[in-house]
Protein backbone atom coordinates (compact mmCIF):
# COMPACT_ATOMS: atom_id res chain seq x y z
CA MET A 1 -13.14 2.04 6.06
CA PHE A 2 -13.53 5.82 6.32
CA LEU A 3 -15.48 6.97 9.24
CA SER A 4 -18.68 8.87 8.79
CA LYS A 5 -18.37 12.97 8.95
CA ILE A 6 -19.65 13.36 12.45
CA TRP A 7 -17.49 10.56 14.17
CA ALA A 8 -14.31 11.62 12.39
CA LYS A 9 -14.85 15.02 13.81
CA ILE A 10 -14.83 13.68 17.21
CA CYS A 11 -11.89 11.63 16.25
CA ARG A 12 -9.61 14.24 15.91
CA HIS A 13 -10.14 15.59 18.97
CA MET A 14 -8.61 11.93 20.61
CA PRO A 15 -4.67 12.08 21.44
CA ASP A 16 -3.15 9.64 19.21
CA GLU A 17 -3.04 6.85 21.29
CA MET A 18 -6.16 7.09 22.66
CA TYR A 19 -7.26 6.78 18.71
CA LEU A 20 -5.28 3.98 17.56
CA GLN A 21 -6.39 2.01 20.99
CA TRP A 22 -10.02 2.31 19.63
CA GLN A 23 -9.34 1.59 16.15
CA PHE A 24 -7.88 -1.49 16.95
CA HIS A 25 -10.41 -2.51 18.99
CA HIS A 26 -12.89 -1.40 16.69
CA ILE A 27 -11.74 -3.47 13.46
CA CYS A 28 -10.06 -6.37 15.73
CA GLY A 29 -11.64 -6.59 18.89
CA ARG A 30 -8.67 -6.30 20.76
CA TRP A 31 -6.22 -4.42 22.64
CA LEU A 32 -2.75 -2.61 21.61
CA ASP A 33 -0.24 -3.42 24.34
CA LEU A 34 1.95 -0.09 23.76
CA LYS A 35 4.03 -0.48 26.91
CA HIS A 36 5.61 -4.04 25.95
CA PRO A 37 4.65 -4.13 22.11
CA LYS A 38 5.30 -7.85 20.83
CA THR A 39 3.04 -8.51 18.13
CA TYR A 40 2.72 -7.19 14.78
CA ALA A 41 -0.01 -4.60 15.11
CA ASP A 42 1.53 -3.41 18.40
CA LYS A 43 5.11 -2.48 17.15
CA LEU A 44 3.01 -0.23 13.76
CA ALA A 45 1.25 1.66 16.35
CA TRP A 46 4.36 2.00 18.93
CA MET A 47 6.19 3.76 15.73
CA LYS A 48 3.42 5.68 14.94
CA LEU A 49 3.91 7.24 18.24
CA HIS A 50 7.69 7.26 18.81
CA ASP A 51 9.15 6.69 15.44
CA LYS A 52 8.44 9.38 13.02
CA ASP A 53 11.04 9.10 10.63
CA PRO A 54 10.61 12.56 8.36
CA ARG A 55 12.00 10.38 5.12
CA LEU A 56 8.58 8.86 5.54
CA SER A 57 6.53 12.00 4.01
CA LYS A 58 7.71 11.87 0.58
CA LEU A 59 8.04 7.70 0.08
CA VAL A 60 4.54 7.41 0.56
CA ASP A 61 3.65 10.26 -1.69
CA LYS A 62 3.13 8.31 -4.85
CA TYR A 63 4.64 10.84 -7.11
CA GLU A 64 7.72 12.28 -4.98
CA VAL A 65 8.61 8.94 -4.25
CA ARG A 66 9.34 8.17 -8.17
CA GLU A 67 12.62 10.07 -7.60
CA PHE A 68 13.95 8.02 -4.76
CA VAL A 69 13.26 4.98 -6.18
CA LYS A 70 14.91 6.34 -9.44
CA GLU A 71 18.01 6.50 -7.81
CA ALA A 72 17.62 3.24 -5.55
CA ILE A 73 17.31 0.87 -8.22
CA GLY A 74 16.56 2.37 -11.53
CA GLU A 75 14.82 4.49 -13.55
CA GLU A 76 13.78 1.59 -15.84
CA TYR A 77 11.55 -0.12 -12.67
CA LEU A 78 8.80 2.63 -12.76
CA ILE A 79 5.26 2.54 -14.38
CA PRO A 80 5.37 5.57 -16.81
CA CYS A 81 4.20 8.80 -16.01
CA LEU A 82 1.56 10.52 -17.72
CA GLY A 83 0.76 13.47 -15.71
CA VAL A 84 0.36 14.85 -12.20
CA TYR A 85 -2.14 17.07 -11.43
CA ASN A 86 -3.45 19.45 -8.71
CA SER A 87 -7.32 18.72 -9.72
CA THR A 88 -9.56 16.64 -11.69
CA ASP A 89 -10.14 20.27 -13.56
CA GLU A 90 -6.20 19.65 -15.10
CA ILE A 91 -7.06 16.15 -16.20
CA PRO A 92 -6.74 16.24 -20.22
CA TRP A 93 -9.42 14.02 -20.51
CA ASP A 94 -9.57 14.19 -24.19
CA SER A 95 -5.69 13.67 -24.92
CA LEU A 96 -5.03 10.38 -22.49
CA PRO A 97 -4.46 7.30 -24.07
CA GLU A 98 -7.42 4.34 -24.00
CA LYS A 99 -5.81 2.91 -21.33
CA TYR A 100 -4.52 4.34 -18.17
CA VAL A 101 -4.81 4.50 -14.49
CA LEU A 102 -6.06 7.58 -12.31
CA LYS A 103 -4.87 7.56 -8.64
CA CYS A 104 -4.45 10.69 -6.07
CA THR A 105 -0.67 10.64 -4.87
CA HIS A 106 -1.66 11.25 -0.89
CA ASP A 107 -3.58 8.45 0.15
CA SER A 108 -5.49 4.61 -0.79
CA ALA A 109 -7.86 3.12 -2.54
CA SER A 110 -8.85 5.91 -5.15
CA VAL A 111 -7.71 3.87 -8.03
CA ILE A 112 -9.68 4.82 -11.48
CA LEU A 113 -8.83 2.16 -14.29
CA HIS A 114 -9.72 3.45 -18.15
CA ARG A 115 -9.68 0.34 -20.02
CA SER A 116 -11.83 1.66 -22.94
CA ASN A 117 -13.53 4.81 -23.59
CA VAL A 118 -16.77 2.82 -24.09
CA GLY A 119 -18.76 3.01 -20.99
CA PHE A 120 -16.30 4.94 -18.94
CA ASP A 121 -18.64 6.93 -16.85
CA GLN A 122 -16.17 10.43 -16.41
CA GLU A 123 -18.23 11.76 -14.14
CA SER A 124 -18.24 8.78 -11.65
CA ALA A 125 -14.53 9.35 -12.03
CA ILE A 126 -14.32 12.89 -11.37
CA LYS A 127 -16.54 13.05 -8.00
CA SER A 128 -14.41 9.95 -6.85
CA LEU A 129 -11.20 11.47 -7.16
CA ASN A 130 -12.54 14.67 -6.10
CA GLN A 131 -13.81 12.67 -2.66
CA HIS A 132 -10.33 11.99 -2.07
CA LEU A 133 -8.28 14.80 -2.76
CA GLY A 134 -10.69 16.24 0.63
CA ARG A 135 -9.19 13.57 2.55
CA ASN A 136 -6.04 13.75 4.61
CA MET A 137 -5.07 9.60 5.36
CA TYR A 138 -3.62 10.93 9.06
CA TRP A 139 -6.29 10.92 10.14
CA TYR A 140 -7.93 7.52 9.64
CA ALA A 141 -5.12 5.56 10.99
CA ARG A 142 -2.98 8.57 12.33
CA GLU A 143 -0.05 7.80 9.87
CA PHE A 144 1.92 11.03 10.46
CA ALA A 145 3.93 10.05 6.96
CA TYR A 146 0.23 11.24 5.33
CA LYS A 147 -0.15 14.35 7.07
CA ASP A 148 1.56 16.94 4.93
CA VAL A 149 1.09 15.27 1.74
CA LYS A 150 0.00 17.14 -1.17
CA PRO A 151 -2.99 15.83 -2.70
CA ARG A 152 -2.61 15.79 -6.27
CA ILE A 153 -3.53 13.12 -8.85
CA ILE A 154 -1.40 10.96 -10.99
CA CYS A 155 -1.63 8.96 -14.21
CA GLU A 156 -0.09 6.19 -14.99
CA ALA A 157 0.06 3.89 -18.25
CA PHE A 158 -2.07 0.57 -17.64
CA LEU A 159 -0.10 -2.50 -16.90
CA ASP A 160 -2.08 -5.19 -19.08
CA ASP A 161 -1.40 -8.39 -18.06
CA ASN A 162 -3.24 -10.47 -20.83
CA GLY A 163 -6.61 -8.56 -20.30
CA ASN A 164 -5.92 -8.37 -16.39
CA THR A 165 -4.57 -6.48 -14.19
CA PRO A 166 -1.53 -7.52 -12.98
CA SER A 167 -1.38 -9.79 -9.77
CA ASP A 168 0.56 -7.41 -6.93
CA TYR A 169 3.87 -8.66 -5.06
CA LYS A 170 3.85 -7.11 -1.29
CA PHE A 171 7.25 -7.87 0.21
CA LEU A 172 7.13 -7.52 3.87
CA CYS A 173 11.10 -6.36 4.31
CA PHE A 174 12.34 -5.93 8.06
CA GLY A 175 15.62 -4.41 8.45
CA GLY A 176 16.25 -4.24 4.74
CA GLU A 177 15.68 -8.03 4.26
CA PRO A 178 12.65 -9.16 2.20
CA LYS A 179 11.23 -12.14 4.75
CA TYR A 180 7.82 -12.58 2.95
CA VAL A 181 5.98 -11.69 0.28
CA ILE A 182 2.15 -11.15 0.51
CA VAL A 183 0.59 -11.90 -3.23
CA ASP A 184 -2.64 -10.34 -4.24
CA MET A 185 -4.36 -11.11 -7.15
CA ASP A 186 -7.86 -10.32 -8.82
CA ARG A 187 -7.61 -7.22 -6.80
CA PHE A 188 -10.81 -5.79 -8.32
CA SER A 189 -12.72 -8.76 -9.82
CA ASN A 190 -12.33 -11.78 -7.64
CA HIS A 191 -9.76 -10.85 -4.78
CA HIS A 192 -7.25 -13.92 -3.33
CA ARG A 193 -4.56 -12.67 -0.97
CA ASP A 194 -1.47 -15.63 -0.74
CA CYS A 195 1.92 -15.71 1.21
CA TYR A 196 5.32 -17.09 0.73
CA ASP A 197 8.21 -17.36 1.64
CA MET A 198 11.60 -16.32 0.01
CA LYS A 199 12.06 -20.25 -1.28
CA TRP A 200 8.18 -19.83 -2.57
CA VAL A 201 7.03 -21.92 0.28
CA LYS A 202 3.19 -20.94 0.25
CA GLN A 203 2.61 -20.25 4.07
CA ASP A 204 -0.87 -20.50 6.22
CA LEU A 205 -1.13 -16.76 6.73
CA GLY A 206 -4.56 -15.46 6.49
CA THR A 207 -5.88 -11.47 5.99
CA ASP A 208 -8.81 -9.86 5.56
CA HIS A 209 -8.82 -11.90 1.94
CA ASP A 210 -9.37 -15.84 1.56
CA GLN A 211 -6.20 -17.41 0.05
CA SER A 212 -6.53 -19.15 -3.15
CA GLU A 213 -6.61 -23.13 -3.37
CA THR A 214 -4.07 -23.59 -5.12
CA THR A 215 -0.60 -22.29 -4.56
CA GLN A 216 0.84 -19.69 -7.77
CA PRO A 217 3.96 -20.23 -10.15
CA LYS A 218 7.28 -18.83 -8.59
CA PRO A 219 7.89 -15.75 -11.33
CA THR A 220 10.86 -16.75 -13.10
CA ASN A 221 12.98 -13.56 -12.11
CA PHE A 222 11.95 -14.04 -8.61
CA GLU A 223 14.94 -13.16 -7.19
CA GLU A 224 15.48 -9.89 -8.94
CA MET A 225 12.44 -8.80 -7.61
CA VAL A 226 14.19 -10.03 -3.90
CA ARG A 227 17.22 -7.90 -4.74
CA LEU A 228 15.21 -4.88 -5.52
CA ALA A 229 12.90 -5.13 -2.28
CA LYS A 230 16.36 -5.33 -0.62
CA GLN A 231 17.70 -2.43 -2.27
CA LEU A 232 14.41 -0.56 -1.71
CA SER A 233 14.00 -1.52 1.87
CA THR A 234 17.77 -1.05 3.35
CA GLY A 235 17.54 1.76 6.49
CA PHE A 236 14.27 1.12 7.41
CA LYS A 237 12.94 -1.16 10.39
CA HIS A 238 10.00 -2.64 8.46
CA VAL A 239 8.19 -1.37 4.93
CA ARG A 240 6.09 -3.15 2.40
CA VAL A 241 8.00 -2.76 -0.76
CA ASP A 242 5.09 -3.82 -3.82
CA LEU A 243 6.25 -4.81 -6.83
CA TYR A 244 4.11 -5.64 -10.47
CA ASN A 245 5.65 -8.29 -13.26
CA VAL A 246 4.51 -8.12 -16.60
CA ALA A 247 5.66 -10.52 -19.09
CA GLY A 248 8.97 -10.90 -17.10
CA LYS A 249 9.17 -7.11 -16.72
CA ILE A 250 9.14 -5.75 -13.11
CA TYR A 251 7.62 -2.69 -12.01
CA PHE A 252 7.71 -0.37 -8.97
CA GLY A 253 4.50 -0.25 -6.72
CA GLU A 254 4.39 1.85 -3.96
CA MET A 255 6.30 1.79 -0.34
CA THR A 256 3.87 1.14 2.34
CA PHE A 257 5.25 1.91 6.20
CA PHE A 258 2.56 0.71 7.99
CA PRO A 259 0.45 -1.71 5.57
CA TRP A 260 -3.00 -2.11 5.88
CA GLY A 261 -2.72 1.27 8.10
CA GLY A 262 -1.48 -0.45 10.92
CA PRO A 263 -5.29 -1.91 12.39
CA ILE A 264 -4.53 -5.69 11.15
CA TRP A 265 -4.93 -9.38 12.93
CA PHE A 266 -3.40 -12.33 11.23
CA LYS A 267 -4.73 -15.56 11.09
CA PRO A 268 -3.22 -17.87 12.66
CA ASP A 269 -2.85 -15.95 16.27
CA GLU A 270 1.00 -17.03 16.01
CA TRP A 271 1.55 -14.70 13.05
CA ASN A 272 1.29 -11.88 15.23
CA TYR A 273 4.08 -12.89 16.82
CA ILE A 274 5.58 -13.91 14.48
CA LEU A 275 6.04 -11.13 12.48
CA GLY A 276 6.39 -8.45 15.34
CA GLU A 277 9.38 -10.22 16.53
CA MET A 278 11.17 -9.54 12.84
CA ILE A 279 10.72 -5.56 13.79
CA LYS A 280 13.34 -4.59 15.70
CA LEU A 281 12.13 -1.12 17.88
């Protein structure tokens, strides 16, 4: 959700705590408890206000984080990078391969999938990327880590999973320990989202996308994925580590320190307290 230009200007004058309360109530219909935080959303908001880890600005940058990943688990887990550009004018459209992915390094939801030269609307892609380049994610959910990230565009190889985009395995890690994995399927078509524990037992946890009606097959190298998530999350109170798994090859996606921006309310209600308890402030 991006705010209208007028309301966005008004919100910029709100103190962080006031804005976070308004946003959470606007999205979830509830108020945050920031004096005695217990739920997942409470604690994410509390950390935005009181636990500003300076390391995060590099790790939320989709280009800068690659160096951290290279040192932590190895370069072989990185999606091949085809280029980094300061503006859309720098993108060498004619020399790029037939399949690739463009996205901004400083935000979310700016992904441009290029599957084929046929039918690709380059003008619309440029317009979308330029809009995202002009946005600062900090003002949407007061995620301090994004405030000073340099807006750029990164071009990566397209991960082709039998003609489809691969599922996204989002590991919820607490104090360096992966506890649950959210599996996003068919994100650009029929988006469903399931949750599993580390024994691959499906959990009745609902988010802003419907669960699938079946249990997904456990990746054969799931234990390696867990190990990588553990290594990447070590030293952080809470982080979501996103990984892809294509034909048995694991790739790093991103690190997210305030999943869903922070204003999220799980169903049933008990999950907000279960996950909240795992964050040790």
